[in-house]
Amino acid sequence: MSLSISEKLKVELRGHTALVTIDNPGANTWDTESLPALKDLVEKLNNEKAVYALVITGAGEKFFSAGADLKLFADGDPGTARTMAEYFGEAFEALADFRGVSIAAVNGFAMGGGLEVAMACDIRIAEEQAQMALPEARVGLLPCAGGTQRLSWLVGEGWAKRIILCGERVNAATAERIGLVEEVVGKGEALERALALAEQVGEQSPTSVSFCKRLLHTGRDTVIARGLESERDLFVELFSTQDQREGVNAFLEKRKPEWKNS
């Protein structure tokens, strides 16, 4: 029986490592099926004593993950926004709290929720052609899956503001320079490198690793917890604005948005 309750998440056990592949053509987007499936999967892996590490990557060569499917937000329904915000939060927070070590093998575009799932991991390996961004404000939204909270911890407030407030997209080399990823490898090599790191994890006491990870996260998680809740609340509040509907629909219609600041 598969560990995953969704075909959009493929799972393969390789020794002490669980390899998870986001497989939702064509851009490996997250939705109301795959997000609960990720939460469920992590909970199962936490109970698998033989699993010490988790590696997550994207199917295909172009996308790691392009984030949420924006068609879900076209009608501006606050109920849908709240549901998706909670799904994102529960899934990525479960991943961040995974008992073992989580490694993102970023093999292409990591945009919006795609970058947020990578940031929820402990370590990020990016291929040289990878591009990363949190472009939500360009479409009248905001990062609601930890982006506003985790990014500044990784890269500092200045770069977090450039990426989120100015909509700046960064390539793999820049991401490594500012601390967004830990290593850059050649095209097609991220998964191999991530699996090699996962094998290193397997050489250590899984109990010690779990305790060390908990301690490393202690200070950060105390501060982030309140911010994550506010992130979801403000994401839903955007759905009472004209700009949210204008931004999403302009993107879907492939035109430039006309902002009303209301």
C-alpha atoms as a PDB file:
ATOM      1  CA  MET A   1       0.000   0.000   0.000  1.00  0.00           C
ATOM      2  CA  SER A   2       1.315   3.456  -0.944  1.00  0.00           C
ATOM      3  CA  LEU A   3       2.262   5.858   1.808  1.00  0.00           C
ATOM      4  CA  SER A   4       0.673   8.687  -0.188  1.00  0.00           C
ATOM      5  CA  ILE A   5      -3.087   9.146  -0.384  1.00  0.00           C
ATOM      6  CA  SER A   6      -2.690  11.221  -3.570  1.00  0.00           C
ATOM      7  CA  GLU A   7      -1.252  10.348  -6.977  1.00  0.00           C
ATOM      8  CA  LYS A   8       0.070  13.906  -7.055  1.00  0.00           C
ATOM      9  CA  LEU A   9       2.698  12.927  -4.468  1.00  0.00           C
ATOM     10  CA  LYS A  10       4.815   9.937  -5.398  1.00  0.00           C
ATOM     11  CA  VAL A  11       6.729   8.264  -2.543  1.00  0.00           C
ATOM     12  CA  GLU A  12       9.641   5.871  -2.762  1.00  0.00           C
ATOM     13  CA  LEU A  13      11.573   4.485   0.194  1.00  0.00           C
ATOM     14  CA  ARG A  14      15.310   4.238  -0.445  1.00  0.00           C
ATOM     15  CA  GLY A  15      16.990   2.780   2.583  1.00  0.00           C
ATOM     16  CA  HIS A  16      16.454   5.245   5.426  1.00  0.00           C
ATOM     17  CA  THR A  17      15.266   7.992   3.043  1.00  0.00           C
ATOM     18  CA  ALA A  18      11.760   8.778   1.803  1.00  0.00           C
ATOM     19  CA  LEU A  19      11.874  10.296  -1.677  1.00  0.00           C
ATOM     20  CA  VAL A  20       8.788  12.443  -2.347  1.00  0.00           C
ATOM     21  CA  THR A  21       8.077  13.701  -5.864  1.00  0.00           C
ATOM     22  CA  ILE A  22       5.541  16.463  -6.523  1.00  0.00           C
ATOM     23  CA  ASP A  23       3.801  15.204  -9.656  1.00  0.00           C
ATOM     24  CA  ASN A  24       0.934  17.460 -10.725  1.00  0.00           C
ATOM     25  CA  PRO A  25       1.381  18.364 -14.416  1.00  0.00           C
ATOM     26  CA  GLY A  26       2.113  20.778 -15.849  1.00  0.00           C
ATOM     27  CA  ALA A  27       3.677  22.993 -13.112  1.00  0.00           C
ATOM     28  CA  ASN A  28       3.506  20.757 -10.015  1.00  0.00           C
ATOM     29  CA  THR A  29       1.020  23.086  -8.335  1.00  0.00           C
ATOM     30  CA  TRP A  30      -0.478  22.514  -4.874  1.00  0.00           C
ATOM     31  CA  ASP A  31      -4.218  22.048  -4.382  1.00  0.00           C
ATOM     32  CA  THR A  32      -6.896  20.745  -2.022  1.00  0.00           C
ATOM     33  CA  GLU A  33      -5.814  17.168  -2.729  1.00  0.00           C
ATOM     34  CA  SER A  34      -2.037  17.354  -2.558  1.00  0.00           C
ATOM     35  CA  LEU A  35      -1.715  19.612   0.497  1.00  0.00           C
ATOM     36  CA  PRO A  36      -3.656  17.351   2.908  1.00  0.00           C
ATOM     37  CA  ALA A  37      -1.795  14.434   1.332  1.00  0.00           C
ATOM     38  CA  LEU A  38       1.556  16.012   2.248  1.00  0.00           C
ATOM     39  CA  LYS A  39       0.450  16.514   5.847  1.00  0.00           C
ATOM     40  CA  ASP A  40      -0.779  12.923   6.030  1.00  0.00           C
ATOM     41  CA  LEU A  41       2.443  11.624   4.501  1.00  0.00           C
ATOM     42  CA  VAL A  42       4.706  13.472   6.937  1.00  0.00           C
ATOM     43  CA  GLU A  43       2.656  12.182   9.863  1.00  0.00           C
ATOM     44  CA  LYS A  44       3.079   8.628   8.557  1.00  0.00           C
ATOM     45  CA  LEU A  45       6.820   9.094   8.042  1.00  0.00           C
ATOM     46  CA  ASN A  46       7.172  10.406  11.582  1.00  0.00           C
ATOM     47  CA  ASN A  47       5.926   7.015  12.734  1.00  0.00           C
ATOM     48  CA  GLU A  48       8.247   5.060  10.441  1.00  0.00           C
ATOM     49  CA  LYS A  49      11.235   4.455  12.701  1.00  0.00           C
ATOM     50  CA  ALA A  50      13.383   3.287   9.768  1.00  0.00           C
ATOM     51  CA  VAL A  51      12.982   6.656   7.964  1.00  0.00           C
ATOM     52  CA  TYR A  52      15.637   9.191   8.969  1.00  0.00           C
ATOM     53  CA  ALA A  53      15.420  11.679   6.089  1.00  0.00           C
ATOM     54  CA  LEU A  54      12.968  13.038   3.520  1.00  0.00           C
ATOM     55  CA  VAL A  55      13.941  14.352   0.081  1.00  0.00           C
ATOM     56  CA  ILE A  56      11.355  16.300  -1.930  1.00  0.00           C
ATOM     57  CA  THR A  57      11.661  17.193  -5.611  1.00  0.00           C
ATOM     58  CA  GLY A  58       9.494  17.995  -8.630  1.00  0.00           C
ATOM     59  CA  ALA A  59       8.551  15.739 -11.531  1.00  0.00           C
ATOM     60  CA  GLY A  60       9.906  16.773 -14.916  1.00  0.00           C
ATOM     61  CA  GLU A  61      12.736  19.130 -15.804  1.00  0.00           C
ATOM     62  CA  LYS A  62      11.104  22.582 -15.727  1.00  0.00           C
ATOM     63  CA  PHE A  63       9.281  22.957 -12.411  1.00  0.00           C
ATOM     64  CA  PHE A  64      10.086  22.073  -8.839  1.00  0.00           C
ATOM     65  CA  SER A  65       6.706  23.635  -8.020  1.00  0.00           C
ATOM     66  CA  ALA A  66       4.876  26.737  -9.221  1.00  0.00           C
ATOM     67  CA  GLY A  67       2.880  27.026  -5.980  1.00  0.00           C
ATOM     68  CA  ALA A  68      -0.907  27.293  -5.780  1.00  0.00           C
ATOM     69  CA  ASP A  69      -3.237  26.919  -8.731  1.00  0.00           C
ATOM     70  CA  LEU A  70      -4.453  30.520  -9.089  1.00  0.00           C
ATOM     71  CA  LYS A  71      -7.688  29.422 -10.733  1.00  0.00           C
ATOM     72  CA  LEU A  72      -8.840  28.598  -7.194  1.00  0.00           C
ATOM     73  CA  PHE A  73      -8.767  32.313  -6.304  1.00  0.00           C
ATOM     74  CA  ALA A  74     -10.303  33.834  -9.418  1.00  0.00           C
ATOM     75  CA  ASP A  75     -13.760  34.337  -7.906  1.00  0.00           C
ATOM     76  CA  GLY A  76     -12.416  36.087  -4.791  1.00  0.00           C
ATOM     77  CA  ASP A  77     -14.199  33.746  -2.375  1.00  0.00           C
ATOM     78  CA  PRO A  78     -12.903  34.289   1.193  1.00  0.00           C
ATOM     79  CA  GLY A  79     -14.048  30.803   2.174  1.00  0.00           C
ATOM     80  CA  THR A  80     -11.804  29.224  -0.443  1.00  0.00           C
ATOM     81  CA  ALA A  81      -8.984  31.515   0.654  1.00  0.00           C
ATOM     82  CA  ARG A  82      -9.329  30.415   4.293  1.00  0.00           C
ATOM     83  CA  THR A  83      -9.467  26.745   3.322  1.00  0.00           C
ATOM     84  CA  MET A  84      -6.366  26.992   1.133  1.00  0.00           C
ATOM     85  CA  ALA A  85      -4.461  29.042   3.720  1.00  0.00           C
ATOM     86  CA  GLU A  86      -5.167  26.405   6.358  1.00  0.00           C
ATOM     87  CA  TYR A  87      -4.241  23.557   4.021  1.00  0.00           C
ATOM     88  CA  PHE A  88      -0.957  25.258   3.145  1.00  0.00           C
ATOM     89  CA  GLY A  89      -0.192  26.042   6.760  1.00  0.00           C
ATOM     90  CA  GLU A  90      -0.946  22.555   8.065  1.00  0.00           C
ATOM     91  CA  ALA A  91       1.013  20.835   5.285  1.00  0.00           C
ATOM     92  CA  PHE A  92       4.150  22.958   5.322  1.00  0.00           C
ATOM     93  CA  GLU A  93       4.267  23.274   9.100  1.00  0.00           C
ATOM     94  CA  ALA A  94       4.055  19.488   9.332  1.00  0.00           C
ATOM     95  CA  LEU A  95       6.982  19.311   6.915  1.00  0.00           C
ATOM     96  CA  ALA A  96       8.971  21.876   8.914  1.00  0.00           C
ATOM     97  CA  ASP A  97       8.386  19.797  12.048  1.00  0.00           C
ATOM     98  CA  PHE A  98       9.315  16.474  10.432  1.00  0.00           C
ATOM     99  CA  ARG A  99      11.174  14.340  12.960  1.00  0.00           C
ATOM    100  CA  GLY A 100      14.130  13.714  10.659  1.00  0.00           C
ATOM    101  CA  VAL A 101      16.025  15.856   8.156  1.00  0.00           C
ATOM    102  CA  SER A 102      14.163  17.233   5.132  1.00  0.00           C
ATOM    103  CA  ILE A 103      16.013  18.222   1.961  1.00  0.00           C
ATOM    104  CA  ALA A 104      14.551  20.026  -1.057  1.00  0.00           C
ATOM    105  CA  ALA A 105      16.076  19.105  -4.426  1.00  0.00           C
ATOM    106  CA  VAL A 106      15.041  22.206  -6.383  1.00  0.00           C
ATOM    107  CA  ASN A 107      15.187  21.079 -10.000  1.00  0.00           C
ATOM    108  CA  GLY A 108      13.528  24.034 -11.697  1.00  0.00           C
ATOM    109  CA  PHE A 109      11.198  26.957 -11.030  1.00  0.00           C
ATOM    110  CA  ALA A 110      10.232  27.286  -7.347  1.00  0.00           C
ATOM    111  CA  MET A 111       7.584  30.007  -7.237  1.00  0.00           C
ATOM    112  CA  GLY A 112       5.195  31.073  -4.489  1.00  0.00           C
ATOM    113  CA  GLY A 113       4.104  27.995  -2.576  1.00  0.00           C
ATOM    114  CA  GLY A 114       6.802  26.078  -4.437  1.00  0.00           C
ATOM    115  CA  LEU A 115       9.496  28.153  -2.777  1.00  0.00           C
ATOM    116  CA  GLU A 116       7.625  28.048   0.524  1.00  0.00           C
ATOM    117  CA  VAL A 117       7.677  24.239   0.603  1.00  0.00           C
ATOM    118  CA  ALA A 118      11.414  24.333  -0.075  1.00  0.00           C
ATOM    119  CA  MET A 119      11.889  26.826   2.765  1.00  0.00           C
ATOM    120  CA  ALA A 120       9.965  24.532   5.095  1.00  0.00           C
ATOM    121  CA  CYS A 121      12.729  21.969   4.544  1.00  0.00           C
ATOM    122  CA  ASP A 122      15.949  21.907   6.554  1.00  0.00           C
ATOM    123  CA  ILE A 123      18.290  22.058   3.552  1.00  0.00           C
ATOM    124  CA  ARG A 124      17.895  23.207  -0.060  1.00  0.00           C
ATOM    125  CA  ILE A 125      19.960  22.005  -3.040  1.00  0.00           C
ATOM    126  CA  ALA A 126      19.269  23.908  -6.263  1.00  0.00           C
ATOM    127  CA  GLU A 127      20.192  23.153  -9.841  1.00  0.00           C
ATOM    128  CA  GLU A 128      21.998  25.896 -11.744  1.00  0.00           C
ATOM    129  CA  GLN A 129      18.984  26.718 -13.923  1.00  0.00           C
ATOM    130  CA  ALA A 130      16.556  27.048 -10.998  1.00  0.00           C
ATOM    131  CA  GLN A 131      14.657  30.300 -10.469  1.00  0.00           C
ATOM    132  CA  MET A 132      13.021  31.287  -7.171  1.00  0.00           C
ATOM    133  CA  ALA A 133      10.439  33.935  -6.297  1.00  0.00           C
ATOM    134  CA  LEU A 134       7.500  34.855  -4.089  1.00  0.00           C
ATOM    135  CA  PRO A 135       5.452  36.762  -6.696  1.00  0.00           C
ATOM    136  CA  GLU A 136       2.121  36.791  -4.839  1.00  0.00           C
ATOM    137  CA  ALA A 137       1.891  40.599  -4.552  1.00  0.00           C
ATOM    138  CA  ARG A 138       2.029  40.829  -8.357  1.00  0.00           C
ATOM    139  CA  VAL A 139      -1.367  39.109  -8.445  1.00  0.00           C
ATOM    140  CA  GLY A 140      -2.960  40.819  -5.443  1.00  0.00           C
ATOM    141  CA  LEU A 141      -2.109  38.076  -2.927  1.00  0.00           C
ATOM    142  CA  LEU A 142       0.553  37.435  -0.283  1.00  0.00           C
ATOM    143  CA  PRO A 143       2.666  34.395   0.647  1.00  0.00           C
ATOM    144  CA  CYS A 144       0.431  32.493   3.075  1.00  0.00           C
ATOM    145  CA  ALA A 145       2.484  29.315   3.639  1.00  0.00           C
ATOM    146  CA  GLY A 146       5.346  30.666   5.707  1.00  0.00           C
ATOM    147  CA  GLY A 147       7.001  32.840   3.073  1.00  0.00           C
ATOM    148  CA  THR A 148       6.871  36.138   4.952  1.00  0.00           C
ATOM    149  CA  GLN A 149       8.185  34.446   8.096  1.00  0.00           C
ATOM    150  CA  ARG A 150      10.812  31.941   6.953  1.00  0.00           C
ATOM    151  CA  LEU A 151      12.430  33.967   4.181  1.00  0.00           C
ATOM    152  CA  SER A 152      13.797  36.703   6.447  1.00  0.00           C
ATOM    153  CA  TRP A 153      15.268  34.060   8.776  1.00  0.00           C
ATOM    154  CA  LEU A 154      17.145  32.561   5.860  1.00  0.00           C
ATOM    155  CA  VAL A 155      18.282  35.630   3.913  1.00  0.00           C
ATOM    156  CA  GLY A 156      17.801  38.624   6.227  1.00  0.00           C
ATOM    157  CA  GLU A 157      15.177  41.345   6.154  1.00  0.00           C
ATOM    158  CA  GLY A 158      16.642  43.313   3.256  1.00  0.00           C
ATOM    159  CA  TRP A 159      16.653  40.485   0.738  1.00  0.00           C
ATOM    160  CA  ALA A 160      13.297  39.256   2.022  1.00  0.00           C
ATOM    161  CA  LYS A 161      11.854  42.672   1.218  1.00  0.00           C
ATOM    162  CA  ARG A 162      13.445  42.721  -2.226  1.00  0.00           C
ATOM    163  CA  ILE A 163      11.964  39.311  -3.041  1.00  0.00           C
ATOM    164  CA  ILE A 164       8.509  39.846  -1.514  1.00  0.00           C
ATOM    165  CA  LEU A 165       7.889  43.607  -1.749  1.00  0.00           C
ATOM    166  CA  CYS A 166       9.735  44.286  -5.019  1.00  0.00           C
ATOM    167  CA  GLY A 167       8.847  40.987  -6.671  1.00  0.00           C
ATOM    168  CA  GLU A 168      12.491  40.184  -7.381  1.00  0.00           C
ATOM    169  CA  ARG A 169      13.203  36.750  -8.851  1.00  0.00           C
ATOM    170  CA  VAL A 170      16.559  35.207  -7.945  1.00  0.00           C
ATOM    171  CA  ASN A 171      18.612  32.658  -9.837  1.00  0.00           C
ATOM    172  CA  ALA A 172      20.412  29.754  -8.207  1.00  0.00           C
ATOM    173  CA  ALA A 173      23.740  31.557  -7.880  1.00  0.00           C
ATOM    174  CA  THR A 174      22.140  34.515  -6.107  1.00  0.00           C
ATOM    175  CA  ALA A 175      20.078  32.189  -3.926  1.00  0.00           C
ATOM    176  CA  GLU A 176      23.268  30.475  -2.749  1.00  0.00           C
ATOM    177  CA  ARG A 177      25.039  33.801  -2.150  1.00  0.00           C
ATOM    178  CA  ILE A 178      22.254  35.170   0.076  1.00  0.00           C
ATOM    179  CA  GLY A 179      21.665  31.909   1.951  1.00  0.00           C
ATOM    180  CA  LEU A 180      18.370  30.867   0.395  1.00  0.00           C
ATOM    181  CA  VAL A 181      19.923  27.582  -0.741  1.00  0.00           C
ATOM    182  CA  GLU A 182      22.899  25.743   0.715  1.00  0.00           C
ATOM    183  CA  GLU A 183      24.386  24.420  -2.532  1.00  0.00           C
ATOM    184  CA  VAL A 184      24.084  24.781  -6.309  1.00  0.00           C
ATOM    185  CA  VAL A 185      24.713  21.825  -8.615  1.00  0.00           C
ATOM    186  CA  GLY A 186      24.509  21.185 -12.344  1.00  0.00           C
ATOM    187  CA  LYS A 187      21.304  20.542 -14.231  1.00  0.00           C
ATOM    188  CA  GLY A 188      19.846  17.162 -13.335  1.00  0.00           C
ATOM    189  CA  GLU A 189      22.119  16.721 -10.300  1.00  0.00           C
ATOM    190  CA  ALA A 190      20.032  18.063  -7.399  1.00  0.00           C
ATOM    191  CA  LEU A 191      18.303  14.800  -6.566  1.00  0.00           C
ATOM    192  CA  GLU A 192      21.538  12.814  -6.525  1.00  0.00           C
ATOM    193  CA  ARG A 193      23.180  15.362  -4.223  1.00  0.00           C
ATOM    194  CA  ALA A 194      20.141  15.535  -1.934  1.00  0.00           C
ATOM    195  CA  LEU A 195      20.046  11.753  -1.635  1.00  0.00           C
ATOM    196  CA  ALA A 196      23.764  11.723  -0.826  1.00  0.00           C
ATOM    197  CA  LEU A 197      23.169  14.204   2.003  1.00  0.00           C
ATOM    198  CA  ALA A 198      20.291  12.066   3.217  1.00  0.00           C
ATOM    199  CA  GLU A 199      22.677   9.103   3.382  1.00  0.00           C
ATOM    200  CA  GLN A 200      24.971  11.187   5.607  1.00  0.00           C
ATOM    201  CA  VAL A 201      22.008  11.734   7.919  1.00  0.00           C
ATOM    202  CA  GLY A 202      21.594   7.966   8.082  1.00  0.00           C
ATOM    203  CA  GLU A 203      25.090   7.613   9.530  1.00  0.00           C
ATOM    204  CA  GLN A 204      24.085   9.552  12.638  1.00  0.00           C
ATOM    205  CA  SER A 205      21.828   8.648  15.536  1.00  0.00           C
ATOM    206  CA  PRO A 206      18.279   9.480  14.405  1.00  0.00           C
ATOM    207  CA  THR A 207      17.334  10.277  17.991  1.00  0.00           C
ATOM    208  CA  SER A 208      20.242  12.690  18.380  1.00  0.00           C
ATOM    209  CA  VAL A 209      19.413  14.332  15.055  1.00  0.00           C
ATOM    210  CA  SER A 210      15.780  14.763  16.083  1.00  0.00           C
ATOM    211  CA  PHE A 211      16.747  16.356  19.392  1.00  0.00           C
ATOM    212  CA  CYS A 212      19.333  18.630  17.742  1.00  0.00           C
ATOM    213  CA  LYS A 213      16.818  19.780  15.139  1.00  0.00           C
ATOM    214  CA  ARG A 214      14.307  20.566  17.863  1.00  0.00           C
ATOM    215  CA  LEU A 215      16.896  22.691  19.666  1.00  0.00           C
ATOM    216  CA  LEU A 216      17.997  24.460  16.479  1.00  0.00           C
ATOM    217  CA  HIS A 217      14.383  25.430  15.828  1.00  0.00           C
ATOM    218  CA  THR A 218      13.533  26.492  19.387  1.00  0.00           C
ATOM    219  CA  GLY A 219      14.188  30.226  19.128  1.00  0.00           C
ATOM    220  CA  ARG A 220      12.954  30.587  15.577  1.00  0.00           C
ATOM    221  CA  ASP A 221       9.710  28.685  16.069  1.00  0.00           C
ATOM    222  CA  THR A 222       8.799  30.697  19.170  1.00  0.00           C
ATOM    223  CA  VAL A 223       8.859  33.881  17.094  1.00  0.00           C
ATOM    224  CA  ILE A 224       7.451  32.468  13.860  1.00  0.00           C
ATOM    225  CA  ALA A 225       4.345  30.821  15.327  1.00  0.00           C
ATOM    226  CA  ARG A 226       2.399  34.064  15.770  1.00  0.00           C
ATOM    227  CA  GLY A 227       3.541  35.358  12.389  1.00  0.00           C
ATOM    228  CA  LEU A 228       2.284  32.250  10.601  1.00  0.00           C
ATOM    229  CA  GLU A 229      -1.183  32.761  12.054  1.00  0.00           C
ATOM    230  CA  SER A 230      -1.213  36.444  11.062  1.00  0.00           C
ATOM    231  CA  GLU A 231      -0.018  35.508   7.577  1.00  0.00           C
ATOM    232  CA  ARG A 232      -3.077  33.334   6.997  1.00  0.00           C
ATOM    233  CA  ASP A 233      -5.470  35.909   8.473  1.00  0.00           C
ATOM    234  CA  LEU A 234      -4.177  38.733   6.273  1.00  0.00           C
ATOM    235  CA  PHE A 235      -4.217  36.463   3.217  1.00  0.00           C
ATOM    236  CA  VAL A 236      -7.962  35.956   3.747  1.00  0.00           C
ATOM    237  CA  GLU A 237      -8.481  39.667   4.412  1.00  0.00           C
ATOM    238  CA  LEU A 238      -7.122  40.421   0.926  1.00  0.00           C
ATOM    239  CA  PHE A 239     -10.198  38.701  -0.477  1.00  0.00           C
ATOM    240  CA  SER A 240     -12.326  41.652   0.627  1.00  0.00           C
ATOM    241  CA  THR A 241     -10.375  43.924  -1.761  1.00  0.00           C
ATOM    242  CA  GLN A 242     -10.822  44.806  -5.420  1.00  0.00           C
ATOM    243  CA  ASP A 243      -7.114  44.390  -6.043  1.00  0.00           C
ATOM    244  CA  GLN A 244      -7.161  40.695  -5.148  1.00  0.00           C
ATOM    245  CA  ARG A 245      -9.719  39.879  -7.826  1.00  0.00           C
ATOM    246  CA  GLU A 246      -8.061  42.208 -10.328  1.00  0.00           C
ATOM    247  CA  GLY A 247      -4.608  40.746  -9.762  1.00  0.00           C
ATOM    248  CA  VAL A 248      -5.575  37.100 -10.050  1.00  0.00           C
ATOM    249  CA  ASN A 249      -7.822  37.585 -13.049  1.00  0.00           C
ATOM    250  CA  ALA A 250      -5.285  39.776 -14.838  1.00  0.00           C
ATOM    251  CA  PHE A 251      -2.743  36.982 -14.443  1.00  0.00           C
ATOM    252  CA  LEU A 252      -5.157  34.353 -15.742  1.00  0.00           C
ATOM    253  CA  GLU A 253      -6.138  36.616 -18.657  1.00  0.00           C
ATOM    254  CA  LYS A 254      -2.443  37.378 -19.373  1.00  0.00           C
ATOM    255  CA  ARG A 255      -2.804  41.147 -19.086  1.00  0.00           C
ATOM    256  CA  LYS A 256      -1.341  43.861 -16.901  1.00  0.00           C
ATOM    257  CA  PRO A 257      -3.412  44.509 -13.722  1.00  0.00           C
ATOM    258  CA  GLU A 258      -4.986  47.907 -13.092  1.00  0.00           C
ATOM    259  CA  TRP A 259      -4.581  48.455  -9.346  1.00  0.00           C
ATOM    260  CA  LYS A 260      -7.192  50.452  -7.406  1.00  0.00           C
ATOM    261  CA  ASN A 261      -5.421  50.327  -4.020  1.00  0.00           C
ATOM    262  CA  SER A 262      -8.741  49.267  -2.523  1.00  0.00           C
END
